[in-house]
Amino acid sequence: MHQHSRPPTWQAWVDGSYDHHQGQMGCAAVIRNPRGQIVAREIELIKGGSSTEAEARAVLLGLKILQLNADPGAGWKIFSDCQSIASLSNMPTLPESQLAHRDILEAVHAQKRHSVVEWVPRRKNRDADQCANLAHSLPAEGRSSVPEEHPSAEQADYHQSLNRWNKSRRRIKNFQLQQWSRYRKQFA
């Protein structure tokens, strides 16, 4: 029996956010290699737009960064927590209501041989979500890499769990010390 091996799949976890007070979009792409390791985190600040456009531009940013990082011939998967963008990206033609995003979605369709856009719940896309919000802190419109010392969502979860565990240990230790102190007073 002959088995077909699939090419390794690179992943782009993308998210966009829109700040209506400042009138700007923050876009983010977190790129993972086939082993699941983060190889790039890119953020972009763009003036104007809307929340849906921010999500669409985040997909486009993910495509650009995948083109720079992924091995030739490798498969790509793009994960977005925006259901409308994920579903539109996989449609053969665009409905009239989405013509404003035509250039972005056509770029996704041009890469169809490499990429698939899938919807994921926001809770699974927290790393990209944090980076998209971080984009609003850029001093000017443009793109930037997020430094490695910026903790990923998984690292933040680990540190929160560790802090809760340490607090519990301290409470137990304090309780034990109080009990020991009472015991000593009782029999002293």
N, C-alpha and C. Protein backbone atom coordinates (compact mmCIF):
# COMPACT_ATOMS: atom_id res chain seq x y z
N MET A 1 0.83 -1.18 0.00
CA MET A 1 0.00 0.00 0.00
C MET A 1 0.88 1.25 0.00
N HIS A 2 0.61 2.14 -0.91
CA HIS A 2 1.40 3.35 -1.08
C HIS A 2 0.78 4.50 -0.29
N GLN A 3 1.56 5.12 0.57
CA GLN A 3 1.05 6.25 1.34
C GLN A 3 1.56 7.55 0.74
N HIS A 4 0.67 8.53 0.64
CA HIS A 4 1.06 9.85 0.18
C HIS A 4 1.43 10.69 1.38
N SER A 5 2.62 11.25 1.36
CA SER A 5 2.98 12.12 2.48
C SER A 5 2.59 13.55 2.12
N ARG A 6 1.93 14.18 3.06
CA ARG A 6 1.52 15.57 2.85
C ARG A 6 2.70 16.48 3.18
N PRO A 7 2.80 17.60 2.47
CA PRO A 7 3.88 18.53 2.80
C PRO A 7 3.66 19.11 4.19
N PRO A 8 4.73 19.48 4.87
CA PRO A 8 4.58 20.08 6.20
C PRO A 8 3.75 21.36 6.12
N THR A 9 2.97 21.62 7.14
CA THR A 9 2.08 22.77 7.14
C THR A 9 2.59 23.86 8.08
N TRP A 10 2.77 25.04 7.53
CA TRP A 10 3.09 26.22 8.31
C TRP A 10 1.79 26.88 8.71
N GLN A 11 1.79 27.58 9.84
CA GLN A 11 0.57 28.19 10.35
C GLN A 11 0.76 29.68 10.57
N ALA A 12 -0.27 30.44 10.22
CA ALA A 12 -0.33 31.86 10.57
C ALA A 12 -1.58 32.06 11.41
N TRP A 13 -1.39 32.50 12.64
CA TRP A 13 -2.49 32.82 13.54
C TRP A 13 -2.63 34.34 13.46
N VAL A 14 -3.76 34.81 12.95
CA VAL A 14 -3.91 36.24 12.65
C VAL A 14 -5.07 36.85 13.42
N ASP A 15 -4.96 38.16 13.66
CA ASP A 15 -6.06 38.88 14.29
C ASP A 15 -5.93 40.36 13.93
N GLY A 16 -7.08 41.02 13.90
CA GLY A 16 -7.11 42.45 13.64
C GLY A 16 -7.99 43.12 14.68
N SER A 17 -7.65 44.35 15.01
CA SER A 17 -8.48 45.12 15.94
C SER A 17 -8.60 46.54 15.41
N TYR A 18 -9.72 47.16 15.72
CA TYR A 18 -9.96 48.52 15.26
C TYR A 18 -10.24 49.41 16.45
N ASP A 19 -9.53 50.53 16.54
CA ASP A 19 -9.74 51.51 17.59
C ASP A 19 -10.48 52.69 16.97
N HIS A 20 -11.78 52.79 17.24
CA HIS A 20 -12.57 53.84 16.60
C HIS A 20 -12.26 55.23 17.16
N HIS A 21 -11.69 55.31 18.36
CA HIS A 21 -11.31 56.61 18.92
C HIS A 21 -10.14 57.22 18.16
N GLN A 22 -9.16 56.38 17.82
CA GLN A 22 -7.99 56.86 17.10
C GLN A 22 -8.11 56.66 15.59
N GLY A 23 -9.15 55.93 15.16
CA GLY A 23 -9.35 55.71 13.73
C GLY A 23 -8.23 54.92 13.09
N GLN A 24 -7.82 53.82 13.74
CA GLN A 24 -6.72 53.03 13.21
C GLN A 24 -6.94 51.54 13.47
N MET A 25 -6.30 50.74 12.62
CA MET A 25 -6.40 49.28 12.72
C MET A 25 -5.07 48.71 13.20
N GLY A 26 -5.15 47.73 14.07
CA GLY A 26 -3.98 46.97 14.48
C GLY A 26 -4.11 45.57 13.93
N CYS A 27 -3.10 45.10 13.21
CA CYS A 27 -3.12 43.76 12.62
C CYS A 27 -1.93 42.97 13.14
N ALA A 28 -2.13 41.66 13.29
CA ALA A 28 -1.05 40.82 13.80
C ALA A 28 -1.05 39.48 13.12
N ALA A 29 0.16 38.92 12.99
CA ALA A 29 0.33 37.57 12.47
C ALA A 29 1.40 36.88 13.30
N VAL A 30 1.06 35.71 13.84
CA VAL A 30 2.01 34.89 14.59
C VAL A 30 2.24 33.65 13.73
N ILE A 31 3.48 33.45 13.31
CA ILE A 31 3.82 32.38 12.38
C ILE A 31 4.46 31.22 13.15
N ARG A 32 3.93 30.02 12.91
CA ARG A 32 4.48 28.80 13.52
C ARG A 32 4.97 27.86 12.43
N ASN A 33 6.13 27.25 12.66
CA ASN A 33 6.65 26.28 11.71
C ASN A 33 5.91 24.94 11.88
N PRO A 34 6.19 23.94 11.03
CA PRO A 34 5.47 22.67 11.15
C PRO A 34 5.62 21.96 12.50
N ARG A 35 6.66 22.30 13.27
CA ARG A 35 6.83 21.71 14.60
C ARG A 35 6.06 22.49 15.67
N GLY A 36 5.37 23.59 15.27
CA GLY A 36 4.58 24.38 16.21
C GLY A 36 5.33 25.49 16.90
N GLN A 37 6.60 25.68 16.54
CA GLN A 37 7.41 26.72 17.17
C GLN A 37 7.11 28.08 16.52
N ILE A 38 7.04 29.12 17.33
CA ILE A 38 6.84 30.47 16.80
C ILE A 38 8.14 30.93 16.16
N VAL A 39 8.05 31.32 14.88
CA VAL A 39 9.24 31.80 14.17
C VAL A 39 9.15 33.29 13.87
N ALA A 40 7.96 33.86 13.93
CA ALA A 40 7.81 35.30 13.68
C ALA A 40 6.52 35.80 14.31
N ARG A 41 6.60 37.03 14.82
CA ARG A 41 5.41 37.76 15.28
C ARG A 41 5.51 39.14 14.65
N GLU A 42 4.55 39.46 13.79
CA GLU A 42 4.56 40.75 13.11
C GLU A 42 3.28 41.51 13.45
N ILE A 43 3.44 42.82 13.66
CA ILE A 43 2.28 43.67 13.90
C ILE A 43 2.32 44.83 12.91
N GLU A 44 1.14 45.36 12.61
CA GLU A 44 1.05 46.47 11.66
C GLU A 44 -0.02 47.44 12.13
N LEU A 45 0.26 48.72 12.03
CA LEU A 45 -0.68 49.77 12.36
C LEU A 45 -1.06 50.47 11.07
N ILE A 46 -2.38 50.56 10.81
CA ILE A 46 -2.88 51.17 9.58
C ILE A 46 -3.95 52.19 9.95
N LYS A 47 -3.86 53.38 9.37
CA LYS A 47 -4.86 54.43 9.63
C LYS A 47 -6.16 54.11 8.89
N GLY A 48 -7.29 54.52 9.49
CA GLY A 48 -8.60 54.34 8.86
C GLY A 48 -9.09 52.91 9.00
N GLY A 49 -10.11 52.57 8.19
CA GLY A 49 -10.60 51.21 8.14
C GLY A 49 -11.77 50.92 9.05
N SER A 50 -11.94 49.63 9.35
CA SER A 50 -13.03 49.14 10.19
C SER A 50 -12.55 47.85 10.86
N SER A 51 -13.36 47.30 11.75
CA SER A 51 -12.94 46.07 12.42
C SER A 51 -12.86 44.90 11.42
N THR A 52 -13.82 44.84 10.48
CA THR A 52 -13.78 43.75 9.49
C THR A 52 -12.57 43.90 8.58
N GLU A 53 -12.27 45.13 8.19
CA GLU A 53 -11.10 45.34 7.34
C GLU A 53 -9.82 45.00 8.09
N ALA A 54 -9.78 45.30 9.39
CA ALA A 54 -8.61 44.96 10.20
C ALA A 54 -8.39 43.45 10.20
N GLU A 55 -9.47 42.69 10.34
CA GLU A 55 -9.37 41.22 10.31
C GLU A 55 -8.89 40.74 8.94
N ALA A 56 -9.42 41.34 7.86
CA ALA A 56 -9.02 40.95 6.51
C ALA A 56 -7.56 41.30 6.26
N ARG A 57 -7.14 42.48 6.71
CA ARG A 57 -5.74 42.87 6.52
C ARG A 57 -4.79 42.01 7.36
N ALA A 58 -5.28 41.51 8.47
CA ALA A 58 -4.45 40.59 9.27
C ALA A 58 -4.20 39.29 8.49
N VAL A 59 -5.21 38.81 7.77
CA VAL A 59 -5.02 37.63 6.92
C VAL A 59 -3.97 37.93 5.85
N LEU A 60 -4.05 39.10 5.25
CA LEU A 60 -3.08 39.49 4.23
C LEU A 60 -1.67 39.58 4.83
N LEU A 61 -1.56 40.14 6.03
CA LEU A 61 -0.27 40.20 6.72
C LEU A 61 0.26 38.79 6.95
N GLY A 62 -0.62 37.88 7.39
CA GLY A 62 -0.21 36.49 7.59
C GLY A 62 0.32 35.86 6.31
N LEU A 63 -0.35 36.14 5.20
CA LEU A 63 0.12 35.62 3.90
C LEU A 63 1.51 36.14 3.56
N LYS A 64 1.72 37.45 3.76
CA LYS A 64 3.02 38.05 3.44
C LYS A 64 4.13 37.43 4.27
N ILE A 65 3.87 37.25 5.56
CA ILE A 65 4.90 36.72 6.45
C ILE A 65 5.14 35.24 6.17
N LEU A 66 4.09 34.50 5.81
CA LEU A 66 4.27 33.09 5.42
C LEU A 66 5.15 33.00 4.18
N GLN A 67 4.93 33.88 3.20
CA GLN A 67 5.75 33.87 1.99
C GLN A 67 7.22 34.08 2.31
N LEU A 68 7.50 34.87 3.32
CA LEU A 68 8.89 35.15 3.70
C LEU A 68 9.53 34.02 4.50
N ASN A 69 8.72 33.28 5.27
CA ASN A 69 9.27 32.30 6.22
C ASN A 69 9.09 30.84 5.83
N ALA A 70 7.99 30.50 5.17
CA ALA A 70 7.67 29.09 4.93
C ALA A 70 8.58 28.48 3.86
N ASP A 71 8.81 27.21 4.00
CA ASP A 71 9.60 26.47 3.02
C ASP A 71 8.83 26.39 1.70
N PRO A 72 9.54 26.47 0.56
CA PRO A 72 8.86 26.32 -0.72
C PRO A 72 8.16 24.96 -0.81
N GLY A 73 6.95 24.95 -1.31
CA GLY A 73 6.21 23.70 -1.44
C GLY A 73 5.46 23.27 -0.20
N ALA A 74 5.67 23.97 0.90
CA ALA A 74 4.97 23.62 2.14
C ALA A 74 3.54 24.11 2.08
N GLY A 75 2.66 23.45 2.83
CA GLY A 75 1.29 23.90 2.93
C GLY A 75 1.17 24.99 3.97
N TRP A 76 0.13 25.81 3.86
CA TRP A 76 -0.10 26.90 4.80
C TRP A 76 -1.50 26.77 5.35
N LYS A 77 -1.65 27.10 6.61
CA LYS A 77 -2.97 27.22 7.24
C LYS A 77 -3.00 28.55 7.96
N ILE A 78 -4.07 29.29 7.73
CA ILE A 78 -4.24 30.58 8.39
C ILE A 78 -5.43 30.45 9.32
N PHE A 79 -5.23 30.82 10.57
CA PHE A 79 -6.28 30.73 11.58
C PHE A 79 -6.72 32.15 11.96
N SER A 80 -8.03 32.41 11.88
CA SER A 80 -8.59 33.71 12.22
C SER A 80 -9.79 33.50 13.12
N ASP A 81 -9.97 34.42 14.09
CA ASP A 81 -11.15 34.32 14.96
C ASP A 81 -12.32 35.13 14.42
N CYS A 82 -12.24 35.57 13.17
CA CYS A 82 -13.32 36.31 12.52
C CYS A 82 -14.02 35.34 11.54
N GLN A 83 -15.22 34.92 11.91
CA GLN A 83 -15.94 33.94 11.10
C GLN A 83 -16.23 34.45 9.70
N SER A 84 -16.60 35.72 9.56
CA SER A 84 -16.95 36.22 8.23
C SER A 84 -15.74 36.23 7.30
N ILE A 85 -14.57 36.60 7.79
CA ILE A 85 -13.38 36.61 6.94
C ILE A 85 -12.97 35.19 6.58
N ALA A 86 -13.03 34.28 7.55
CA ALA A 86 -12.68 32.87 7.27
C ALA A 86 -13.62 32.29 6.21
N SER A 87 -14.91 32.56 6.33
CA SER A 87 -15.84 31.99 5.36
C SER A 87 -15.70 32.66 4.00
N LEU A 88 -15.51 33.99 3.96
CA LEU A 88 -15.33 34.70 2.69
C LEU A 88 -14.06 34.25 1.97
N SER A 89 -13.02 33.99 2.73
CA SER A 89 -11.74 33.59 2.15
C SER A 89 -11.83 32.26 1.43
N ASN A 90 -12.78 31.45 1.82
CA ASN A 90 -12.92 30.12 1.22
C ASN A 90 -14.02 30.05 0.17
N MET A 91 -14.66 31.20 -0.16
CA MET A 91 -15.70 31.22 -1.19
C MET A 91 -15.06 31.37 -2.57
N PRO A 92 -15.61 30.72 -3.59
CA PRO A 92 -15.05 30.85 -4.93
C PRO A 92 -15.22 32.26 -5.51
N THR A 93 -16.32 32.95 -5.19
CA THR A 93 -16.52 34.33 -5.63
C THR A 93 -17.04 35.14 -4.45
N LEU A 94 -16.82 36.44 -4.52
CA LEU A 94 -17.22 37.32 -3.42
C LEU A 94 -18.62 37.86 -3.63
N PRO A 95 -19.43 37.91 -2.56
CA PRO A 95 -20.74 38.56 -2.68
C PRO A 95 -20.56 40.07 -2.84
N GLU A 96 -21.56 40.72 -3.42
CA GLU A 96 -21.52 42.17 -3.66
C GLU A 96 -21.21 42.97 -2.39
N SER A 97 -21.72 42.51 -1.24
CA SER A 97 -21.54 43.26 0.02
C SER A 97 -20.08 43.31 0.47
N GLN A 98 -19.23 42.47 -0.09
CA GLN A 98 -17.83 42.40 0.36
C GLN A 98 -16.85 42.93 -0.68
N LEU A 99 -17.31 43.69 -1.65
CA LEU A 99 -16.41 44.19 -2.69
C LEU A 99 -15.33 45.11 -2.13
N ALA A 100 -15.59 45.76 -0.99
CA ALA A 100 -14.59 46.64 -0.38
C ALA A 100 -13.33 45.88 0.01
N HIS A 101 -13.45 44.59 0.29
CA HIS A 101 -12.30 43.78 0.71
C HIS A 101 -11.76 42.93 -0.44
N ARG A 102 -12.18 43.25 -1.67
CA ARG A 102 -11.82 42.43 -2.83
C ARG A 102 -10.31 42.23 -2.95
N ASP A 103 -9.52 43.30 -2.86
CA ASP A 103 -8.07 43.18 -3.06
C ASP A 103 -7.45 42.23 -2.03
N ILE A 104 -7.92 42.31 -0.81
CA ILE A 104 -7.37 41.45 0.24
C ILE A 104 -7.75 39.99 0.00
N LEU A 105 -9.04 39.78 -0.25
CA LEU A 105 -9.50 38.41 -0.43
C LEU A 105 -9.01 37.78 -1.74
N GLU A 106 -8.78 38.60 -2.76
CA GLU A 106 -8.20 38.07 -4.00
C GLU A 106 -6.77 37.60 -3.76
N ALA A 107 -6.05 38.28 -2.87
CA ALA A 107 -4.69 37.84 -2.53
C ALA A 107 -4.73 36.47 -1.87
N VAL A 108 -5.74 36.25 -1.03
CA VAL A 108 -5.90 34.94 -0.39
C VAL A 108 -6.21 33.89 -1.46
N HIS A 109 -7.12 34.22 -2.38
CA HIS A 109 -7.48 33.28 -3.44
C HIS A 109 -6.30 32.97 -4.35
N ALA A 110 -5.41 33.95 -4.57
CA ALA A 110 -4.23 33.73 -5.41
C ALA A 110 -3.29 32.71 -4.79
N GLN A 111 -3.32 32.61 -3.46
CA GLN A 111 -2.45 31.66 -2.75
C GLN A 111 -3.17 30.35 -2.43
N LYS A 112 -4.32 30.12 -3.01
CA LYS A 112 -5.17 28.97 -2.67
C LYS A 112 -4.42 27.64 -2.73
N ARG A 113 -3.49 27.53 -3.65
CA ARG A 113 -2.77 26.26 -3.75
C ARG A 113 -1.95 25.98 -2.49
N HIS A 114 -1.59 27.04 -1.78
CA HIS A 114 -0.80 26.88 -0.56
C HIS A 114 -1.64 26.93 0.71
N SER A 115 -2.69 27.77 0.71
CA SER A 115 -3.29 28.13 2.00
C SER A 115 -4.76 27.79 2.13
N VAL A 116 -5.14 27.64 3.38
CA VAL A 116 -6.53 27.43 3.79
C VAL A 116 -6.75 28.37 4.97
N VAL A 117 -7.89 29.06 4.98
CA VAL A 117 -8.22 29.94 6.11
C VAL A 117 -9.27 29.23 6.94
N GLU A 118 -8.98 29.07 8.22
CA GLU A 118 -9.91 28.39 9.13
C GLU A 118 -10.27 29.32 10.27
N TRP A 119 -11.52 29.20 10.72
CA TRP A 119 -11.97 29.94 11.88
C TRP A 119 -11.57 29.19 13.15
N VAL A 120 -11.13 29.94 14.16
CA VAL A 120 -10.86 29.38 15.49
C VAL A 120 -11.52 30.29 16.52
N PRO A 121 -11.93 29.75 17.66
CA PRO A 121 -12.49 30.61 18.71
C PRO A 121 -11.43 31.60 19.22
N ARG A 122 -11.88 32.75 19.65
CA ARG A 122 -10.96 33.80 20.11
C ARG A 122 -10.03 33.31 21.22
N ARG A 123 -10.54 32.46 22.12
CA ARG A 123 -9.72 31.98 23.24
C ARG A 123 -8.50 31.18 22.76
N LYS A 124 -8.58 30.58 21.57
CA LYS A 124 -7.44 29.84 21.03
C LYS A 124 -6.50 30.74 20.25
N ASN A 125 -6.91 31.98 20.03
CA ASN A 125 -6.13 32.90 19.20
C ASN A 125 -5.60 34.07 20.03
N ARG A 126 -5.39 33.82 21.31
CA ARG A 126 -5.02 34.92 22.22
C ARG A 126 -3.66 35.53 21.92
N ASP A 127 -2.72 34.74 21.44
CA ASP A 127 -1.39 35.29 21.15
C ASP A 127 -1.49 36.35 20.05
N ALA A 128 -2.21 36.03 18.97
CA ALA A 128 -2.40 37.01 17.89
C ALA A 128 -3.24 38.19 18.37
N ASP A 129 -4.23 37.93 19.21
CA ASP A 129 -5.08 38.99 19.75
C ASP A 129 -4.24 39.99 20.57
N GLN A 130 -3.36 39.48 21.41
CA GLN A 130 -2.49 40.34 22.21
C GLN A 130 -1.59 41.19 21.30
N CYS A 131 -1.07 40.56 20.25
CA CYS A 131 -0.19 41.28 19.34
C CYS A 131 -0.96 42.35 18.56
N ALA A 132 -2.20 42.04 18.14
CA ALA A 132 -3.01 43.03 17.41
C ALA A 132 -3.27 44.25 18.29
N ASN A 133 -3.53 44.04 19.57
CA ASN A 133 -3.72 45.16 20.48
C ASN A 133 -2.42 45.92 20.71
N LEU A 134 -1.31 45.19 20.71
CA LEU A 134 0.01 45.81 20.87
C LEU A 134 0.32 46.73 19.68
N ALA A 135 -0.21 46.41 18.50
CA ALA A 135 0.05 47.23 17.31
C ALA A 135 -0.41 48.67 17.51
N HIS A 136 -1.46 48.88 18.31
CA HIS A 136 -1.95 50.24 18.54
C HIS A 136 -0.95 51.09 19.32
N SER A 137 0.05 50.46 19.91
CA SER A 137 1.06 51.23 20.65
C SER A 137 2.23 51.65 19.77
N LEU A 138 2.22 51.26 18.48
CA LEU A 138 3.29 51.71 17.58
C LEU A 138 3.22 53.22 17.44
N PRO A 139 4.37 53.89 17.37
CA PRO A 139 4.36 55.36 17.32
C PRO A 139 3.79 55.93 16.01
N ALA A 140 3.88 55.18 14.94
CA ALA A 140 3.40 55.67 13.64
C ALA A 140 2.91 54.49 12.81
N GLU A 141 2.17 54.83 11.75
CA GLU A 141 1.67 53.81 10.84
C GLU A 141 2.85 53.02 10.27
N GLY A 142 2.73 51.70 10.21
CA GLY A 142 3.78 50.86 9.66
C GLY A 142 3.77 49.48 10.30
N ARG A 143 4.81 48.70 9.98
CA ARG A 143 4.90 47.33 10.44
C ARG A 143 6.14 47.14 11.30
N SER A 144 6.04 46.19 12.25
CA SER A 144 7.16 45.93 13.16
C SER A 144 7.12 44.48 13.61
N SER A 145 8.29 43.96 13.96
CA SER A 145 8.37 42.64 14.56
C SER A 145 8.17 42.79 16.07
N VAL A 146 7.56 41.79 16.68
CA VAL A 146 7.39 41.80 18.12
C VAL A 146 8.59 41.07 18.71
N PRO A 147 9.30 41.71 19.64
CA PRO A 147 10.50 41.07 20.20
C PRO A 147 10.17 39.75 20.91
N GLU A 148 11.14 38.88 20.95
CA GLU A 148 10.95 37.54 21.54
C GLU A 148 10.60 37.61 23.02
N GLU A 149 11.04 38.67 23.72
CA GLU A 149 10.74 38.73 25.16
C GLU A 149 9.28 39.04 25.43
N HIS A 150 8.51 39.41 24.40
CA HIS A 150 7.05 39.58 24.58
C HIS A 150 6.47 38.19 24.83
N PRO A 151 5.84 37.96 25.98
CA PRO A 151 5.38 36.60 26.28
C PRO A 151 4.21 36.18 25.40
N SER A 152 4.24 34.92 24.98
CA SER A 152 3.11 34.38 24.22
C SER A 152 1.97 34.12 25.20
N ALA A 153 0.79 33.86 24.66
CA ALA A 153 -0.37 33.58 25.52
C ALA A 153 -0.11 32.34 26.37
N GLU A 154 0.56 31.34 25.77
CA GLU A 154 0.85 30.12 26.53
C GLU A 154 1.80 30.41 27.69
N GLN A 155 2.81 31.27 27.44
CA GLN A 155 3.73 31.62 28.51
C GLN A 155 3.01 32.42 29.60
N ALA A 156 2.14 33.32 29.19
CA ALA A 156 1.39 34.12 30.17
C ALA A 156 0.51 33.21 31.02
N ASP A 157 -0.15 32.23 30.38
CA ASP A 157 -0.96 31.27 31.13
C ASP A 157 -0.12 30.49 32.11
N TYR A 158 1.07 30.05 31.68
CA TYR A 158 1.96 29.30 32.54
C TYR A 158 2.35 30.13 33.76
N HIS A 159 2.72 31.41 33.52
CA HIS A 159 3.14 32.26 34.63
C HIS A 159 1.97 32.56 35.58
N GLN A 160 0.76 32.73 35.04
CA GLN A 160 -0.41 32.93 35.90
C GLN A 160 -0.65 31.69 36.76
N SER A 161 -0.57 30.52 36.14
CA SER A 161 -0.77 29.27 36.89
C SER A 161 0.29 29.11 37.97
N LEU A 162 1.53 29.43 37.62
CA LEU A 162 2.63 29.33 38.59
C LEU A 162 2.41 30.30 39.75
N ASN A 163 1.98 31.51 39.44
CA ASN A 163 1.71 32.50 40.51
C ASN A 163 0.58 32.03 41.42
N ARG A 164 -0.50 31.49 40.84
CA ARG A 164 -1.61 30.98 41.66
C ARG A 164 -1.13 29.83 42.53
N TRP A 165 -0.33 28.94 41.98
CA TRP A 165 0.19 27.80 42.73
C TRP A 165 1.06 28.28 43.88
N ASN A 166 1.94 29.27 43.62
CA ASN A 166 2.80 29.81 44.67
C ASN A 166 1.99 30.49 45.78
N LYS A 167 0.93 31.21 45.40
CA LYS A 167 0.06 31.83 46.41
C LYS A 167 -0.60 30.77 47.27
N SER A 168 -1.07 29.70 46.63
CA SER A 168 -1.69 28.60 47.39
C SER A 168 -0.68 27.98 48.35
N ARG A 169 0.53 27.77 47.88
CA ARG A 169 1.58 27.20 48.74
C ARG A 169 1.84 28.09 49.94
N ARG A 170 1.89 29.42 49.70
CA ARG A 170 2.15 30.36 50.81
C ARG A 170 1.00 30.32 51.81
N ARG A 171 -0.25 30.26 51.31
CA ARG A 171 -1.40 30.19 52.22
C ARG A 171 -1.34 28.92 53.06
N ILE A 172 -1.03 27.81 52.43
CA ILE A 172 -0.94 26.53 53.17
C ILE A 172 0.18 26.61 54.20
N LYS A 173 1.33 27.15 53.80
CA LYS A 173 2.47 27.27 54.72
C LYS A 173 2.10 28.18 55.90
N ASN A 174 1.44 29.30 55.61
CA ASN A 174 1.01 30.20 56.69
C ASN A 174 0.03 29.50 57.63
N PHE A 175 -0.91 28.76 57.06
CA PHE A 175 -1.87 28.02 57.86
C PHE A 175 -1.15 27.00 58.75
N GLN A 176 -0.19 26.30 58.17
CA GLN A 176 0.56 25.30 58.94
C GLN A 176 1.34 25.97 60.09
N LEU A 177 1.93 27.12 59.79
CA LEU A 177 2.67 27.84 60.83
C LEU A 177 1.74 28.30 61.95
N GLN A 178 0.54 28.76 61.59
CA GLN A 178 -0.44 29.16 62.60
C GLN A 178 -0.84 27.97 63.45
N GLN A 179 -1.08 26.84 62.82
CA GLN A 179 -1.47 25.62 63.55
C GLN A 179 -0.34 25.19 64.49
N TRP A 180 0.89 25.24 64.01
CA TRP A 180 2.03 24.85 64.84
C TRP A 180 2.17 25.80 66.02
N SER A 181 1.97 27.09 65.77
CA SER A 181 2.07 28.07 66.84
C SER A 181 1.00 27.81 67.92
N ARG A 182 -0.22 27.52 67.50
CA ARG A 182 -1.29 27.20 68.45
C ARG A 182 -0.96 25.92 69.22
N TYR A 183 -0.44 24.94 68.53
CA TYR A 183 -0.09 23.68 69.17
C TYR A 183 0.97 23.89 70.25
N ARG A 184 2.00 24.68 69.90
CA ARG A 184 3.06 24.94 70.87
C ARG A 184 2.54 25.68 72.08
N LYS A 185 1.67 26.67 71.88
CA LYS A 185 1.10 27.42 73.00
C LYS A 185 0.25 26.52 73.88
N GLN A 186 -0.43 25.60 73.26
CA GLN A 186 -1.33 24.71 74.00
C GLN A 186 -0.55 23.76 74.91
N PHE A 187 0.59 23.30 74.43
CA PHE A 187 1.34 22.32 75.22
C PHE A 187 2.61 22.89 75.84
N ALA A 188 2.79 24.18 75.78
CA ALA A 188 3.99 24.77 76.36
C ALA A 188 3.84 25.04 77.84
